[in-house]
């Protein structure tokens, strides 16, 4: 069963279902690969009954599906996988700004959590220094802020998405290595970096 690029969230009940922090975490992991309820129970250190409740809710709203089954010790095990790599609320849900905001905030937190896991588990060579020319390093470590109009930002994001798509569609090299890329960008109330004042 091929995973779609995106699924559109059309119902408020669907959106509320994904606003649950644990359910959102489970879906984030199932976007990456398939897991059984028992495997998820061990991962989250939560009872299987609670995990299966959330899996049933995610399956009921069409976010996950069973991709294969295996029989182990006489019991059938179901492997669940997210039906898409991303989930986007449709325009009809725009009046429910609080719920939409809660959903996207939870997604951002889960992405950060998965990124942290990958940093911890990455091989030592991932963070070795090759030379002092960081432009040639096979990694990105950065935090940036910019004060721009939404229009300019949207135009820039469109260009960036093309680069991300190019990264995703690069032809696999048998002798190559796996690289991880994640991106978060959102509006803030106040800057956290010092910025030069215009009158200085």
C-alpha atoms as a PDB file:
ATOM      1  CA  UNK A   1       0.000   0.000   0.000  1.00  0.00           C
ATOM      2  CA  UNK A   2       1.668   3.172  -1.196  1.00  0.00           C
ATOM      3  CA  UNK A   3       1.788   6.132   1.175  1.00  0.00           C
ATOM      4  CA  UNK A   4       0.297   9.380  -0.165  1.00  0.00           C
ATOM      5  CA  UNK A   5       2.211  12.638   0.059  1.00  0.00           C
ATOM      6  CA  UNK A   6      -0.634  14.453   1.850  1.00  0.00           C
ATOM      7  CA  UNK A   7      -4.062  13.784   3.306  1.00  0.00           C
ATOM      8  CA  UNK A   8      -6.573  16.593   3.755  1.00  0.00           C
ATOM      9  CA  UNK A   9      -8.292  16.838   7.128  1.00  0.00           C
ATOM     10  CA  UNK A  10     -11.914  17.710   6.327  1.00  0.00           C
ATOM     11  CA  UNK A  11     -13.802  17.189   9.598  1.00  0.00           C
ATOM     12  CA  UNK A  12     -13.488  18.962  12.954  1.00  0.00           C
ATOM     13  CA  UNK A  13     -13.611  15.596  14.764  1.00  0.00           C
ATOM     14  CA  UNK A  14     -10.587  14.480  12.739  1.00  0.00           C
ATOM     15  CA  UNK A  15      -8.714  17.622  13.740  1.00  0.00           C
ATOM     16  CA  UNK A  16      -9.624  17.160  17.408  1.00  0.00           C
ATOM     17  CA  UNK A  17      -8.445  13.549  17.234  1.00  0.00           C
ATOM     18  CA  UNK A  18      -5.000  14.696  16.075  1.00  0.00           C
ATOM     19  CA  UNK A  19      -4.814  17.441  18.699  1.00  0.00           C
ATOM     20  CA  UNK A  20      -4.295  14.763  21.352  1.00  0.00           C
ATOM     21  CA  UNK A  21      -0.523  14.882  22.117  1.00  0.00           C
ATOM     22  CA  UNK A  22      -0.002  11.105  22.367  1.00  0.00           C
ATOM     23  CA  UNK A  23      -2.089  10.371  19.296  1.00  0.00           C
ATOM     24  CA  UNK A  24      -0.098  12.967  17.370  1.00  0.00           C
ATOM     25  CA  UNK A  25       3.175  11.399  18.539  1.00  0.00           C
ATOM     26  CA  UNK A  26       2.005   7.955  17.447  1.00  0.00           C
ATOM     27  CA  UNK A  27       1.046   9.273  14.006  1.00  0.00           C
ATOM     28  CA  UNK A  28       4.413  11.051  13.659  1.00  0.00           C
ATOM     29  CA  UNK A  29       6.216   7.734  14.180  1.00  0.00           C
ATOM     30  CA  UNK A  30       3.847   5.839  11.874  1.00  0.00           C
ATOM     31  CA  UNK A  31       4.624   8.343   9.113  1.00  0.00           C
ATOM     32  CA  UNK A  32       8.184   6.978   9.115  1.00  0.00           C
ATOM     33  CA  UNK A  33       7.467   3.234   9.117  1.00  0.00           C
ATOM     34  CA  UNK A  34       5.039   0.564  10.285  1.00  0.00           C
ATOM     35  CA  UNK A  35       4.764  -0.624  13.892  1.00  0.00           C
ATOM     36  CA  UNK A  36       2.602  -3.004  15.877  1.00  0.00           C
ATOM     37  CA  UNK A  37       0.691  -1.952  18.954  1.00  0.00           C
ATOM     38  CA  UNK A  38       3.119  -3.958  21.084  1.00  0.00           C
ATOM     39  CA  UNK A  39       6.136  -2.186  19.577  1.00  0.00           C
ATOM     40  CA  UNK A  40       4.538   1.209  20.195  1.00  0.00           C
ATOM     41  CA  UNK A  41       3.683   0.180  23.744  1.00  0.00           C
ATOM     42  CA  UNK A  42       7.349  -0.545  24.425  1.00  0.00           C
ATOM     43  CA  UNK A  43       8.479   2.652  22.692  1.00  0.00           C
ATOM     44  CA  UNK A  44       6.194   4.927  24.702  1.00  0.00           C
ATOM     45  CA  UNK A  45       6.279   2.770  27.845  1.00  0.00           C
ATOM     46  CA  UNK A  46       2.479   2.817  27.917  1.00  0.00           C
ATOM     47  CA  UNK A  47       0.059  -0.082  28.328  1.00  0.00           C
ATOM     48  CA  UNK A  48      -0.959  -1.932  25.179  1.00  0.00           C
ATOM     49  CA  UNK A  49      -4.640  -1.295  25.917  1.00  0.00           C
ATOM     50  CA  UNK A  50      -4.068   2.491  25.865  1.00  0.00           C
ATOM     51  CA  UNK A  51      -1.987   2.289  22.679  1.00  0.00           C
ATOM     52  CA  UNK A  52      -4.631   0.164  20.962  1.00  0.00           C
ATOM     53  CA  UNK A  53      -7.321   2.663  21.956  1.00  0.00           C
ATOM     54  CA  UNK A  54      -5.410   5.461  20.218  1.00  0.00           C
ATOM     55  CA  UNK A  55      -4.621   3.239  17.212  1.00  0.00           C
ATOM     56  CA  UNK A  56      -8.333   2.472  16.857  1.00  0.00           C
ATOM     57  CA  UNK A  57      -9.138   6.186  16.948  1.00  0.00           C
ATOM     58  CA  UNK A  58      -6.498   6.986  14.313  1.00  0.00           C
ATOM     59  CA  UNK A  59      -7.743   4.144  12.116  1.00  0.00           C
ATOM     60  CA  UNK A  60     -11.392   5.183  12.592  1.00  0.00           C
ATOM     61  CA  UNK A  61     -10.629   8.671  11.269  1.00  0.00           C
ATOM     62  CA  UNK A  62      -8.621   7.301   8.323  1.00  0.00           C
ATOM     63  CA  UNK A  63      -5.138   8.451   9.399  1.00  0.00           C
ATOM     64  CA  UNK A  64      -3.567   4.994   9.600  1.00  0.00           C
ATOM     65  CA  UNK A  65      -4.124   1.590   8.070  1.00  0.00           C
ATOM     66  CA  UNK A  66      -2.955  -1.989   8.519  1.00  0.00           C
ATOM     67  CA  UNK A  67      -0.211  -2.605   5.942  1.00  0.00           C
ATOM     68  CA  UNK A  68       0.605  -6.202   6.855  1.00  0.00           C
ATOM     69  CA  UNK A  69       0.006  -8.909   9.448  1.00  0.00           C
ATOM     70  CA  UNK A  70       2.295 -11.513  10.987  1.00  0.00           C
ATOM     71  CA  UNK A  71       1.575 -14.493  13.204  1.00  0.00           C
ATOM     72  CA  UNK A  72       3.877 -14.701  16.246  1.00  0.00           C
ATOM     73  CA  UNK A  73       3.461 -17.284  19.008  1.00  0.00           C
ATOM     74  CA  UNK A  74       0.021 -18.088  17.668  1.00  0.00           C
ATOM     75  CA  UNK A  75      -1.181 -14.472  17.760  1.00  0.00           C
ATOM     76  CA  UNK A  76      -1.818 -12.258  14.744  1.00  0.00           C
ATOM     77  CA  UNK A  77       0.090  -8.981  14.880  1.00  0.00           C
ATOM     78  CA  UNK A  78      -1.079  -5.997  12.856  1.00  0.00           C
ATOM     79  CA  UNK A  79       1.451  -3.501  11.506  1.00  0.00           C
ATOM     80  CA  UNK A  80       0.029   0.018  11.225  1.00  0.00           C
ATOM     81  CA  UNK A  81       1.329   2.809   8.980  1.00  0.00           C
ATOM     82  CA  UNK A  82       0.211   6.385   8.353  1.00  0.00           C
ATOM     83  CA  UNK A  83      -1.716   6.721   5.081  1.00  0.00           C
ATOM     84  CA  UNK A  84       0.227   9.908   4.193  1.00  0.00           C
ATOM     85  CA  UNK A  85       3.486  11.690   4.982  1.00  0.00           C
ATOM     86  CA  UNK A  86       1.661  14.896   5.891  1.00  0.00           C
ATOM     87  CA  UNK A  87      -1.809  16.012   7.031  1.00  0.00           C
ATOM     88  CA  UNK A  88      -3.303  19.403   6.140  1.00  0.00           C
ATOM     89  CA  UNK A  89      -6.557  20.937   7.463  1.00  0.00           C
ATOM     90  CA  UNK A  90      -8.861  22.124   4.661  1.00  0.00           C
ATOM     91  CA  UNK A  91     -10.235  25.650   4.276  1.00  0.00           C
ATOM     92  CA  UNK A  92     -13.587  24.739   5.862  1.00  0.00           C
ATOM     93  CA  UNK A  93     -11.764  24.274   9.186  1.00  0.00           C
ATOM     94  CA  UNK A  94     -10.335  27.808   9.181  1.00  0.00           C
ATOM     95  CA  UNK A  95     -12.990  29.099  11.634  1.00  0.00           C
ATOM     96  CA  UNK A  96     -11.574  26.676  14.226  1.00  0.00           C
ATOM     97  CA  UNK A  97      -8.306  28.560  14.610  1.00  0.00           C
ATOM     98  CA  UNK A  98      -7.618  27.313  18.140  1.00  0.00           C
ATOM     99  CA  UNK A  99      -7.916  23.656  17.134  1.00  0.00           C
ATOM    100  CA  UNK A 100      -5.847  24.182  13.966  1.00  0.00           C
ATOM    101  CA  UNK A 101      -3.185  26.040  15.968  1.00  0.00           C
ATOM    102  CA  UNK A 102      -3.087  23.313  18.626  1.00  0.00           C
ATOM    103  CA  UNK A 103      -2.636  20.685  15.916  1.00  0.00           C
ATOM    104  CA  UNK A 104       0.261  22.472  14.187  1.00  0.00           C
ATOM    105  CA  UNK A 105       1.965  23.302  17.498  1.00  0.00           C
ATOM    106  CA  UNK A 106       1.847  19.610  18.424  1.00  0.00           C
ATOM    107  CA  UNK A 107       3.239  18.641  15.010  1.00  0.00           C
ATOM    108  CA  UNK A 108       6.141  21.091  15.467  1.00  0.00           C
ATOM    109  CA  UNK A 109       6.933  19.690  18.925  1.00  0.00           C
ATOM    110  CA  UNK A 110       6.885  16.128  17.584  1.00  0.00           C
ATOM    111  CA  UNK A 111       9.206  17.028  14.712  1.00  0.00           C
ATOM    112  CA  UNK A 112      11.640  18.533  17.213  1.00  0.00           C
ATOM    113  CA  UNK A 113      11.394  15.400  19.327  1.00  0.00           C
ATOM    114  CA  UNK A 114      12.140  13.110  16.395  1.00  0.00           C
ATOM    115  CA  UNK A 115      15.043  15.359  15.350  1.00  0.00           C
ATOM    116  CA  UNK A 116      16.480  15.123  18.875  1.00  0.00           C
ATOM    117  CA  UNK A 117      16.242  11.322  18.738  1.00  0.00           C
ATOM    118  CA  UNK A 118      18.134  11.272  15.450  1.00  0.00           C
ATOM    119  CA  UNK A 119      20.869  13.574  16.767  1.00  0.00           C
ATOM    120  CA  UNK A 120      21.395  11.325  19.787  1.00  0.00           C
ATOM    121  CA  UNK A 121      21.505   8.135  17.709  1.00  0.00           C
ATOM    122  CA  UNK A 122      23.629   9.544  14.848  1.00  0.00           C
ATOM    123  CA  UNK A 123      27.168   8.120  14.378  1.00  0.00           C
ATOM    124  CA  UNK A 124      30.097  10.085  15.792  1.00  0.00           C
ATOM    125  CA  UNK A 125      31.330  10.960  12.307  1.00  0.00           C
ATOM    126  CA  UNK A 126      28.165  13.007  11.741  1.00  0.00           C
ATOM    127  CA  UNK A 127      29.583  15.796  13.894  1.00  0.00           C
ATOM    128  CA  UNK A 128      33.293  15.555  13.170  1.00  0.00           C
ATOM    129  CA  UNK A 129      35.079  18.645  11.909  1.00  0.00           C
ATOM    130  CA  UNK A 130      36.698  18.247   8.489  1.00  0.00           C
ATOM    131  CA  UNK A 131      38.288  21.684   8.221  1.00  0.00           C
ATOM    132  CA  UNK A 132      37.417  25.300   9.037  1.00  0.00           C
ATOM    133  CA  UNK A 133      35.459  25.808   5.783  1.00  0.00           C
ATOM    134  CA  UNK A 134      31.975  25.048   7.071  1.00  0.00           C
ATOM    135  CA  UNK A 135      30.506  25.598   3.590  1.00  0.00           C
ATOM    136  CA  UNK A 136      31.977  22.211   2.630  1.00  0.00           C
ATOM    137  CA  UNK A 137      30.663  20.305   5.661  1.00  0.00           C
ATOM    138  CA  UNK A 138      28.077  17.574   4.887  1.00  0.00           C
ATOM    139  CA  UNK A 139      25.692  18.863   7.567  1.00  0.00           C
ATOM    140  CA  UNK A 140      23.581  21.877   8.525  1.00  0.00           C
ATOM    141  CA  UNK A 141      23.398  23.351  12.037  1.00  0.00           C
ATOM    142  CA  UNK A 142      21.770  26.750  12.167  1.00  0.00           C
ATOM    143  CA  UNK A 143      19.186  29.007  13.775  1.00  0.00           C
ATOM    144  CA  UNK A 144      18.071  32.197  12.056  1.00  0.00           C
ATOM    145  CA  UNK A 145      15.624  35.050  12.464  1.00  0.00           C
ATOM    146  CA  UNK A 146      14.408  37.606   9.942  1.00  0.00           C
ATOM    147  CA  UNK A 147      11.882  40.445  10.066  1.00  0.00           C
ATOM    148  CA  UNK A 148      10.097  40.336   6.700  1.00  0.00           C
ATOM    149  CA  UNK A 149       6.611  40.634   5.262  1.00  0.00           C
ATOM    150  CA  UNK A 150       4.490  37.486   4.960  1.00  0.00           C
ATOM    151  CA  UNK A 151       4.451  37.975   1.191  1.00  0.00           C
ATOM    152  CA  UNK A 152       8.259  37.905   0.965  1.00  0.00           C
ATOM    153  CA  UNK A 153       8.432  34.915   3.291  1.00  0.00           C
ATOM    154  CA  UNK A 154       5.899  32.948   1.250  1.00  0.00           C
ATOM    155  CA  UNK A 155       7.860  33.704  -1.932  1.00  0.00           C
ATOM    156  CA  UNK A 156      11.083  32.532  -0.258  1.00  0.00           C
ATOM    157  CA  UNK A 157       9.410  29.358   1.087  1.00  0.00           C
ATOM    158  CA  UNK A 158       8.263  28.498  -2.453  1.00  0.00           C
ATOM    159  CA  UNK A 159      11.913  28.583  -3.590  1.00  0.00           C
ATOM    160  CA  UNK A 160      13.001  26.568  -0.560  1.00  0.00           C
ATOM    161  CA  UNK A 161      10.336  23.919  -1.189  1.00  0.00           C
ATOM    162  CA  UNK A 162      11.820  23.389  -4.663  1.00  0.00           C
ATOM    163  CA  UNK A 163      15.230  22.720  -3.084  1.00  0.00           C
ATOM    164  CA  UNK A 164      13.664  20.349  -0.563  1.00  0.00           C
ATOM    165  CA  UNK A 165      11.905  18.494  -3.374  1.00  0.00           C
ATOM    166  CA  UNK A 166      15.234  18.261  -5.198  1.00  0.00           C
ATOM    167  CA  UNK A 167      16.803  16.827  -2.024  1.00  0.00           C
ATOM    168  CA  UNK A 168      13.982  14.273  -1.659  1.00  0.00           C
ATOM    169  CA  UNK A 169      14.158  13.181  -5.314  1.00  0.00           C
ATOM    170  CA  UNK A 170      17.941  12.852  -5.539  1.00  0.00           C
ATOM    171  CA  UNK A 171      18.936   9.549  -7.088  1.00  0.00           C
ATOM    172  CA  UNK A 172      20.112   7.053  -4.484  1.00  0.00           C
ATOM    173  CA  UNK A 173      23.795   6.210  -4.609  1.00  0.00           C
ATOM    174  CA  UNK A 174      24.665   2.646  -3.540  1.00  0.00           C
ATOM    175  CA  UNK A 175      27.898   3.924  -2.000  1.00  0.00           C
ATOM    176  CA  UNK A 176      26.244   6.983  -0.501  1.00  0.00           C
ATOM    177  CA  UNK A 177      25.179   7.662   3.092  1.00  0.00           C
ATOM    178  CA  UNK A 178      21.806   8.505   4.571  1.00  0.00           C
ATOM    179  CA  UNK A 179      21.269  12.169   5.533  1.00  0.00           C
ATOM    180  CA  UNK A 180      18.450  13.651   7.575  1.00  0.00           C
ATOM    181  CA  UNK A 181      16.890  17.072   6.984  1.00  0.00           C
ATOM    182  CA  UNK A 182      14.214  18.790   9.024  1.00  0.00           C
ATOM    183  CA  UNK A 183      12.857  22.340   8.856  1.00  0.00           C
ATOM    184  CA  UNK A 184      10.676  24.459  11.119  1.00  0.00           C
ATOM    185  CA  UNK A 185       9.711  28.060  10.496  1.00  0.00           C
ATOM    186  CA  UNK A 186       6.997  30.132  12.174  1.00  0.00           C
ATOM    187  CA  UNK A 187       6.076  33.607  13.422  1.00  0.00           C
ATOM    188  CA  UNK A 188       7.370  34.746  16.826  1.00  0.00           C
ATOM    189  CA  UNK A 189       6.227  37.496  19.190  1.00  0.00           C
ATOM    190  CA  UNK A 190       9.730  38.784  19.972  1.00  0.00           C
ATOM    191  CA  UNK A 191      13.225  38.069  18.605  1.00  0.00           C
ATOM    192  CA  UNK A 192      15.585  35.925  20.666  1.00  0.00           C
ATOM    193  CA  UNK A 193      18.790  37.067  18.959  1.00  0.00           C
ATOM    194  CA  UNK A 194      20.254  40.530  19.320  1.00  0.00           C
ATOM    195  CA  UNK A 195      19.590  42.631  16.225  1.00  0.00           C
ATOM    196  CA  UNK A 196      21.236  45.914  15.336  1.00  0.00           C
ATOM    197  CA  UNK A 197      18.846  48.837  15.790  1.00  0.00           C
ATOM    198  CA  UNK A 198      18.147  50.977  12.743  1.00  0.00           C
ATOM    199  CA  UNK A 199      19.386  54.198  14.452  1.00  0.00           C
ATOM    200  CA  UNK A 200      22.753  52.731  15.426  1.00  0.00           C
END
